[in-house]
Amino acid sequence: MQPNFQDNASPVRSVNHVVRAFGLLGLWALLAFAEESPTQHLLRTVESRYNRAHTLQVKFAETYSGLGRGPRTESGILYLRKPGRMRWDYTQPPGKLFVSNGKEVYLYLPSEKRVEKMPLKETEDMRAPLAFLLGKLNFEREFHNIQARPVADGSVVTAEPRLPSLPYSQVEFLVSPAFEIRRLHIVGQDQSILDFTFEDEKLNPSLAGTLFQFQPPPGAEVVDSGSGR
């Protein structure tokens, strides 16, 4: 009986097919990487920076203008913690506080001795979207019409939100050469403007959970503004 060389060679051909297949997959991966634009590289690097963080602390200055009012600047320290927790601790004006525990948001105005409470998913306060910094940051999922351009102190990224229900119509980020978000310009649906500048950013500081548990100050009126009140 003649040896069946065809059967003996079959495993070799199978291995060769597998090697060629993996070679093609590697080539496709290299081509995809090579085709990544400078804007895509910038966004992926910023995403990686913030998605790896669990907490964040940064000094902020906030300037609001619109609705017939001139610019007003306030400042303080912002604390963020995954998932969706934030605390805007104002030093100017002293005592003002905006807190999210991941489910509700609380705004305390000491000049009025008043606390406004609302579910996080219902608030139209333009501070709330900054929780995405320590969510699962994905620019292409959250925004469209994304454009970037280099500037002297980094890169400016402009984008529009994909969800029309959000309280803002356009955002603009200034990203530093170290891929920190240093400025944020937000255009509201009502054409109001909210500008933030950030400095002294600290990634993964130790933050106590009590920072995100709001307790109304003595004598403060609490108003529940949620739809389910």
C-alpha atoms as a PDB file:
ATOM      1  CA  MET A   1       0.000   0.000   0.000  1.00  0.00           C
ATOM      2  CA  GLN A   2       1.308   3.431  -0.917  1.00  0.00           C
ATOM      3  CA  PRO A   3       1.691   5.914   1.940  1.00  0.00           C
ATOM      4  CA  ASN A   4      -1.005   8.598   2.035  1.00  0.00           C
ATOM      5  CA  PHE A   5       1.193  11.653   1.698  1.00  0.00           C
ATOM      6  CA  GLN A   6      -1.893  13.855   1.319  1.00  0.00           C
ATOM      7  CA  ASP A   7      -3.170  12.907   4.769  1.00  0.00           C
ATOM      8  CA  ASN A   8       0.293  13.307   6.312  1.00  0.00           C
ATOM      9  CA  ALA A   9       0.658  16.831   4.862  1.00  0.00           C
ATOM     10  CA  SER A  10      -2.770  18.035   5.994  1.00  0.00           C
ATOM     11  CA  PRO A  11      -1.706  19.156   9.513  1.00  0.00           C
ATOM     12  CA  VAL A  12       1.170  21.132   8.011  1.00  0.00           C
ATOM     13  CA  ARG A  13      -1.135  22.956   5.651  1.00  0.00           C
ATOM     14  CA  SER A  14      -3.514  23.683   8.546  1.00  0.00           C
ATOM     15  CA  VAL A  15      -0.702  25.221  10.566  1.00  0.00           C
ATOM     16  CA  ASN A  16       0.335  27.318   7.594  1.00  0.00           C
ATOM     17  CA  HIS A  17      -3.237  28.571   7.197  1.00  0.00           C
ATOM     18  CA  VAL A  18      -3.332  29.551  10.890  1.00  0.00           C
ATOM     19  CA  VAL A  19       0.021  31.360  10.660  1.00  0.00           C
ATOM     20  CA  ARG A  20      -1.108  33.255   7.573  1.00  0.00           C
ATOM     21  CA  ALA A  21      -4.403  34.169   9.277  1.00  0.00           C
ATOM     22  CA  PHE A  22      -2.626  35.562  12.351  1.00  0.00           C
ATOM     23  CA  GLY A  23      -0.239  37.407  10.071  1.00  0.00           C
ATOM     24  CA  LEU A  24      -3.157  39.090   8.322  1.00  0.00           C
ATOM     25  CA  LEU A  25      -4.764  40.000  11.654  1.00  0.00           C
ATOM     26  CA  GLY A  26      -1.507  41.570  12.802  1.00  0.00           C
ATOM     27  CA  LEU A  27      -1.227  43.497   9.555  1.00  0.00           C
ATOM     28  CA  TRP A  28      -4.779  44.794   9.918  1.00  0.00           C
ATOM     29  CA  ALA A  29      -4.031  45.884  13.504  1.00  0.00           C
ATOM     30  CA  LEU A  30      -0.901  47.722  12.386  1.00  0.00           C
ATOM     31  CA  LEU A  31      -2.795  49.437   9.580  1.00  0.00           C
ATOM     32  CA  ALA A  32      -5.585  50.489  11.992  1.00  0.00           C
ATOM     33  CA  PHE A  33      -2.991  51.918  14.387  1.00  0.00           C
ATOM     34  CA  ALA A  34      -1.190  53.704  11.585  1.00  0.00           C
ATOM     35  CA  GLU A  35      -4.459  55.237  10.395  1.00  0.00           C
ATOM     36  CA  GLU A  36      -5.275  56.749  13.821  1.00  0.00           C
ATOM     37  CA  SER A  37      -5.439  60.505  13.380  1.00  0.00           C
ATOM     38  CA  PRO A  38      -3.693  62.980  15.727  1.00  0.00           C
ATOM     39  CA  THR A  39      -7.142  63.908  17.107  1.00  0.00           C
ATOM     40  CA  GLN A  40      -7.987  60.265  17.838  1.00  0.00           C
ATOM     41  CA  HIS A  41      -4.626  59.768  19.543  1.00  0.00           C
ATOM     42  CA  LEU A  42      -5.201  62.865  21.677  1.00  0.00           C
ATOM     43  CA  LEU A  43      -8.681  61.729  22.737  1.00  0.00           C
ATOM     44  CA  ARG A  44      -7.582  58.148  23.493  1.00  0.00           C
ATOM     45  CA  THR A  45      -4.715  59.427  25.673  1.00  0.00           C
ATOM     46  CA  VAL A  46      -6.984  61.789  27.638  1.00  0.00           C
ATOM     47  CA  GLU A  47      -9.513  58.960  28.079  1.00  0.00           C
ATOM     48  CA  SER A  48      -6.812  56.621  29.352  1.00  0.00           C
ATOM     49  CA  ARG A  49      -5.593  59.217  31.875  1.00  0.00           C
ATOM     50  CA  TYR A  50      -8.991  59.778  33.479  1.00  0.00           C
ATOM     51  CA  ASN A  51     -10.436  56.272  33.097  1.00  0.00           C
ATOM     52  CA  ARG A  52      -7.583  54.828  35.132  1.00  0.00           C
ATOM     53  CA  ALA A  53      -8.257  57.260  37.983  1.00  0.00           C
ATOM     54  CA  HIS A  54     -10.645  56.476  40.823  1.00  0.00           C
ATOM     55  CA  THR A  55     -10.531  59.873  42.525  1.00  0.00           C
ATOM     56  CA  LEU A  56      -9.539  63.386  41.521  1.00  0.00           C
ATOM     57  CA  GLN A  57      -8.964  66.683  43.304  1.00  0.00           C
ATOM     58  CA  VAL A  58      -8.456  69.992  41.510  1.00  0.00           C
ATOM     59  CA  LYS A  59      -8.766  73.726  42.139  1.00  0.00           C
ATOM     60  CA  PHE A  60     -11.345  75.430  39.952  1.00  0.00           C
ATOM     61  CA  ALA A  61     -12.556  78.866  38.939  1.00  0.00           C
ATOM     62  CA  GLU A  62     -16.042  79.052  37.427  1.00  0.00           C
ATOM     63  CA  THR A  63     -17.398  81.993  35.430  1.00  0.00           C
ATOM     64  CA  TYR A  64     -21.055  82.139  34.424  1.00  0.00           C
ATOM     65  CA  SER A  65     -22.722  84.627  32.113  1.00  0.00           C
ATOM     66  CA  GLY A  66     -26.104  84.712  30.429  1.00  0.00           C
ATOM     67  CA  LEU A  67     -29.815  85.253  30.936  1.00  0.00           C
ATOM     68  CA  GLY A  68     -29.308  89.021  31.101  1.00  0.00           C
ATOM     69  CA  ARG A  69     -26.646  88.832  33.784  1.00  0.00           C
ATOM     70  CA  GLY A  70     -23.017  89.876  33.516  1.00  0.00           C
ATOM     71  CA  PRO A  71     -20.127  87.483  34.206  1.00  0.00           C
ATOM     72  CA  ARG A  72     -19.851  86.162  37.751  1.00  0.00           C
ATOM     73  CA  THR A  73     -16.770  84.252  38.898  1.00  0.00           C
ATOM     74  CA  GLU A  74     -16.675  81.771  41.779  1.00  0.00           C
ATOM     75  CA  SER A  75     -13.923  79.396  42.907  1.00  0.00           C
ATOM     76  CA  GLY A  76     -13.034  76.514  45.172  1.00  0.00           C
ATOM     77  CA  ILE A  77     -11.957  72.874  45.139  1.00  0.00           C
ATOM     78  CA  LEU A  78     -13.597  70.054  43.165  1.00  0.00           C
ATOM     79  CA  TYR A  79     -13.481  66.466  44.420  1.00  0.00           C
ATOM     80  CA  LEU A  80     -14.530  63.541  42.209  1.00  0.00           C
ATOM     81  CA  ARG A  81     -14.883  59.866  43.018  1.00  0.00           C
ATOM     82  CA  LYS A  82     -16.132  56.945  40.943  1.00  0.00           C
ATOM     83  CA  PRO A  83     -18.926  56.358  40.234  1.00  0.00           C
ATOM     84  CA  GLY A  84     -20.649  59.738  39.770  1.00  0.00           C
ATOM     85  CA  ARG A  85     -19.719  61.317  43.095  1.00  0.00           C
ATOM     86  CA  MET A  86     -18.613  64.932  43.202  1.00  0.00           C
ATOM     87  CA  ARG A  87     -18.228  67.780  45.642  1.00  0.00           C
ATOM     88  CA  TRP A  88     -17.798  71.405  44.585  1.00  0.00           C
ATOM     89  CA  ASP A  89     -16.548  73.090  47.767  1.00  0.00           C
ATOM     90  CA  TYR A  90     -16.636  76.855  47.217  1.00  0.00           C
ATOM     91  CA  THR A  91     -14.279  79.258  48.924  1.00  0.00           C
ATOM     92  CA  GLN A  92     -15.785  82.145  46.942  1.00  0.00           C
ATOM     93  CA  PRO A  93     -18.567  82.628  47.884  1.00  0.00           C
ATOM     94  CA  PRO A  94     -17.765  80.995  51.223  1.00  0.00           C
ATOM     95  CA  GLY A  95     -20.001  78.111  52.213  1.00  0.00           C
ATOM     96  CA  LYS A  96     -21.618  77.436  48.841  1.00  0.00           C
ATOM     97  CA  LEU A  97     -21.728  73.703  48.140  1.00  0.00           C
ATOM     98  CA  PHE A  98     -22.728  71.390  45.289  1.00  0.00           C
ATOM     99  CA  VAL A  99     -22.678  67.666  46.110  1.00  0.00           C
ATOM    100  CA  SER A 100     -23.582  64.520  44.173  1.00  0.00           C
ATOM    101  CA  ASN A 101     -23.720  61.151  45.932  1.00  0.00           C
ATOM    102  CA  GLY A 102     -24.137  59.339  42.609  1.00  0.00           C
ATOM    103  CA  LYS A 103     -27.944  59.393  42.783  1.00  0.00           C
ATOM    104  CA  GLU A 104     -29.004  62.858  43.966  1.00  0.00           C
ATOM    105  CA  VAL A 105     -27.462  66.301  43.730  1.00  0.00           C
ATOM    106  CA  TYR A 106     -27.658  68.968  46.426  1.00  0.00           C
ATOM    107  CA  LEU A 107     -26.995  72.671  45.973  1.00  0.00           C
ATOM    108  CA  TYR A 108     -26.626  74.720  49.162  1.00  0.00           C
ATOM    109  CA  LEU A 109     -26.801  78.518  48.907  1.00  0.00           C
ATOM    110  CA  PRO A 110     -25.746  79.985  52.268  1.00  0.00           C
ATOM    111  CA  SER A 111     -26.982  83.461  51.365  1.00  0.00           C
ATOM    112  CA  GLU A 112     -30.514  82.027  51.109  1.00  0.00           C
ATOM    113  CA  LYS A 113     -30.121  79.247  53.709  1.00  0.00           C
ATOM    114  CA  ARG A 114     -31.676  76.988  51.112  1.00  0.00           C
ATOM    115  CA  VAL A 115     -30.862  73.485  49.795  1.00  0.00           C
ATOM    116  CA  GLU A 116     -32.104  72.327  46.395  1.00  0.00           C
ATOM    117  CA  LYS A 117     -32.268  68.544  45.958  1.00  0.00           C
ATOM    118  CA  MET A 118     -32.807  66.710  42.666  1.00  0.00           C
ATOM    119  CA  PRO A 119     -32.061  63.282  41.120  1.00  0.00           C
ATOM    120  CA  LEU A 120     -28.732  63.365  39.287  1.00  0.00           C
ATOM    121  CA  LYS A 121     -30.329  62.093  36.067  1.00  0.00           C
ATOM    122  CA  GLU A 122     -32.855  64.950  36.095  1.00  0.00           C
ATOM    123  CA  THR A 123     -30.674  67.917  36.937  1.00  0.00           C
ATOM    124  CA  GLU A 124     -29.971  70.530  34.289  1.00  0.00           C
ATOM    125  CA  ASP A 125     -27.107  72.011  36.281  1.00  0.00           C
ATOM    126  CA  MET A 126     -24.114  72.193  33.970  1.00  0.00           C
ATOM    127  CA  ARG A 127     -21.747  71.091  36.734  1.00  0.00           C
ATOM    128  CA  ALA A 128     -23.274  67.620  36.678  1.00  0.00           C
ATOM    129  CA  PRO A 129     -21.865  66.523  33.272  1.00  0.00           C
ATOM    130  CA  LEU A 130     -18.344  66.814  34.682  1.00  0.00           C
ATOM    131  CA  ALA A 131     -19.025  63.545  36.499  1.00  0.00           C
ATOM    132  CA  PHE A 132     -18.161  61.873  33.171  1.00  0.00           C
ATOM    133  CA  LEU A 133     -14.499  62.681  33.876  1.00  0.00           C
ATOM    134  CA  LEU A 134     -14.470  59.788  36.315  1.00  0.00           C
ATOM    135  CA  GLY A 135     -17.103  57.668  34.666  1.00  0.00           C
ATOM    136  CA  LYS A 136     -16.097  55.761  31.572  1.00  0.00           C
ATOM    137  CA  LEU A 137     -14.825  58.650  29.502  1.00  0.00           C
ATOM    138  CA  ASN A 138     -15.445  57.995  25.809  1.00  0.00           C
ATOM    139  CA  PHE A 139     -15.492  61.104  23.664  1.00  0.00           C
ATOM    140  CA  GLU A 140     -16.915  59.393  20.576  1.00  0.00           C
ATOM    141  CA  ARG A 141     -19.788  57.895  22.578  1.00  0.00           C
ATOM    142  CA  GLU A 142     -20.646  61.128  24.424  1.00  0.00           C
ATOM    143  CA  PHE A 143     -20.000  63.644  21.626  1.00  0.00           C
ATOM    144  CA  HIS A 144     -20.037  64.144  17.866  1.00  0.00           C
ATOM    145  CA  ASN A 145     -18.651  66.763  15.472  1.00  0.00           C
ATOM    146  CA  ILE A 146     -15.375  66.495  17.392  1.00  0.00           C
ATOM    147  CA  GLN A 147     -12.544  68.719  16.191  1.00  0.00           C
ATOM    148  CA  ALA A 148      -9.121  69.515  17.613  1.00  0.00           C
ATOM    149  CA  ARG A 149      -6.499  72.132  16.909  1.00  0.00           C
ATOM    150  CA  PRO A 150      -3.086  72.844  18.446  1.00  0.00           C
ATOM    151  CA  VAL A 151      -2.575  76.025  20.493  1.00  0.00           C
ATOM    152  CA  ALA A 152       0.393  77.474  22.374  1.00  0.00           C
ATOM    153  CA  ASP A 153      -0.463  75.748  25.679  1.00  0.00           C
ATOM    154  CA  GLY A 154      -1.779  72.432  24.365  1.00  0.00           C
ATOM    155  CA  SER A 155      -4.742  71.459  22.199  1.00  0.00           C
ATOM    156  CA  VAL A 156      -8.319  72.714  21.997  1.00  0.00           C
ATOM    157  CA  VAL A 157     -11.058  70.128  21.415  1.00  0.00           C
ATOM    158  CA  THR A 158     -14.578  71.235  20.452  1.00  0.00           C
ATOM    159  CA  ALA A 159     -17.563  68.890  20.388  1.00  0.00           C
ATOM    160  CA  GLU A 160     -21.340  68.659  20.545  1.00  0.00           C
ATOM    161  CA  PRO A 161     -23.256  66.262  22.813  1.00  0.00           C
ATOM    162  CA  ARG A 162     -24.943  63.304  21.146  1.00  0.00           C
ATOM    163  CA  LEU A 163     -27.970  63.565  23.442  1.00  0.00           C
ATOM    164  CA  PRO A 164     -30.138  66.613  22.662  1.00  0.00           C
ATOM    165  CA  SER A 165     -31.741  66.353  26.109  1.00  0.00           C
ATOM    166  CA  LEU A 166     -28.578  67.569  27.859  1.00  0.00           C
ATOM    167  CA  PRO A 167     -28.551  71.184  29.134  1.00  0.00           C
ATOM    168  CA  TYR A 168     -25.644  72.230  26.907  1.00  0.00           C
ATOM    169  CA  SER A 169     -25.187  72.422  23.131  1.00  0.00           C
ATOM    170  CA  GLN A 170     -21.403  72.639  22.793  1.00  0.00           C
ATOM    171  CA  VAL A 171     -18.274  72.055  24.842  1.00  0.00           C
ATOM    172  CA  GLU A 172     -14.675  73.093  24.346  1.00  0.00           C
ATOM    173  CA  PHE A 173     -11.754  71.531  26.209  1.00  0.00           C
ATOM    174  CA  LEU A 174      -8.220  72.819  26.564  1.00  0.00           C
ATOM    175  CA  VAL A 175      -5.917  69.807  26.958  1.00  0.00           C
ATOM    176  CA  SER A 176      -2.403  70.448  28.277  1.00  0.00           C
ATOM    177  CA  PRO A 177       0.719  68.761  26.852  1.00  0.00           C
ATOM    178  CA  ALA A 178       0.467  66.403  29.867  1.00  0.00           C
ATOM    179  CA  PHE A 179      -3.088  65.508  28.711  1.00  0.00           C
ATOM    180  CA  GLU A 180      -4.785  67.256  31.640  1.00  0.00           C
ATOM    181  CA  ILE A 181      -8.079  69.051  31.017  1.00  0.00           C
ATOM    182  CA  ARG A 182      -7.154  72.602  32.032  1.00  0.00           C
ATOM    183  CA  ARG A 183     -10.116  74.624  30.753  1.00  0.00           C
ATOM    184  CA  LEU A 184     -13.703  73.823  29.885  1.00  0.00           C
ATOM    185  CA  HIS A 185     -16.069  76.119  27.969  1.00  0.00           C
ATOM    186  CA  ILE A 186     -19.746  75.088  27.981  1.00  0.00           C
ATOM    187  CA  VAL A 187     -22.486  76.686  25.878  1.00  0.00           C
ATOM    188  CA  GLY A 188     -25.939  76.098  27.350  1.00  0.00           C
ATOM    189  CA  GLN A 189     -29.097  75.361  25.384  1.00  0.00           C
ATOM    190  CA  ASP A 190     -30.247  78.834  26.450  1.00  0.00           C
ATOM    191  CA  GLN A 191     -26.982  80.360  25.109  1.00  0.00           C
ATOM    192  CA  SER A 192     -25.617  80.903  28.609  1.00  0.00           C
ATOM    193  CA  ILE A 193     -21.863  80.413  28.998  1.00  0.00           C
ATOM    194  CA  LEU A 194     -20.062  78.519  31.745  1.00  0.00           C
ATOM    195  CA  ASP A 195     -16.263  78.587  31.811  1.00  0.00           C
ATOM    196  CA  PHE A 196     -14.068  76.529  34.108  1.00  0.00           C
ATOM    197  CA  THR A 197     -10.327  76.685  34.645  1.00  0.00           C
ATOM    198  CA  PHE A 198      -8.560  73.917  36.558  1.00  0.00           C
ATOM    199  CA  GLU A 199      -5.162  73.806  38.241  1.00  0.00           C
ATOM    200  CA  ASP A 200      -3.183  71.708  40.743  1.00  0.00           C
ATOM    201  CA  GLU A 201      -4.849  68.505  39.557  1.00  0.00           C
ATOM    202  CA  LYS A 202      -4.241  65.450  41.742  1.00  0.00           C
ATOM    203  CA  LEU A 203      -5.115  61.975  40.487  1.00  0.00           C
ATOM    204  CA  ASN A 204      -6.131  59.286  42.985  1.00  0.00           C
ATOM    205  CA  PRO A 205      -5.879  61.268  46.243  1.00  0.00           C
ATOM    206  CA  SER A 206      -7.334  59.625  49.346  1.00  0.00           C
ATOM    207  CA  LEU A 207     -10.880  61.010  49.675  1.00  0.00           C
ATOM    208  CA  ALA A 208     -13.203  60.077  52.523  1.00  0.00           C
ATOM    209  CA  GLY A 209     -16.638  58.817  51.520  1.00  0.00           C
ATOM    210  CA  THR A 210     -18.216  61.351  53.890  1.00  0.00           C
ATOM    211  CA  LEU A 211     -17.192  64.132  51.469  1.00  0.00           C
ATOM    212  CA  PHE A 212     -20.040  63.001  49.213  1.00  0.00           C
ATOM    213  CA  GLN A 213     -22.686  62.596  51.926  1.00  0.00           C
ATOM    214  CA  PHE A 214     -24.654  65.815  52.206  1.00  0.00           C
ATOM    215  CA  GLN A 215     -26.018  66.965  55.549  1.00  0.00           C
ATOM    216  CA  PRO A 216     -28.203  70.103  55.457  1.00  0.00           C
ATOM    217  CA  PRO A 217     -26.796  72.867  57.665  1.00  0.00           C
ATOM    218  CA  PRO A 218     -28.935  73.692  60.721  1.00  0.00           C
ATOM    219  CA  GLY A 219     -31.863  75.926  59.823  1.00  0.00           C
ATOM    220  CA  ALA A 220     -31.524  75.419  56.053  1.00  0.00           C
ATOM    221  CA  GLU A 221     -34.708  74.906  54.034  1.00  0.00           C
ATOM    222  CA  VAL A 222     -34.577  71.754  51.867  1.00  0.00           C
ATOM    223  CA  VAL A 223     -36.559  71.883  48.624  1.00  0.00           C
ATOM    224  CA  ASP A 224     -36.949  68.647  46.647  1.00  0.00           C
ATOM    225  CA  SER A 225     -37.157  69.666  42.994  1.00  0.00           C
ATOM    226  CA  GLY A 226     -37.298  66.153  41.517  1.00  0.00           C
ATOM    227  CA  SER A 227     -40.216  64.946  39.400  1.00  0.00           C
ATOM    228  CA  GLY A 228     -40.874  62.136  41.881  1.00  0.00           C
ATOM    229  CA  ARG A 229     -41.261  64.381  44.937  1.00  0.00           C
END
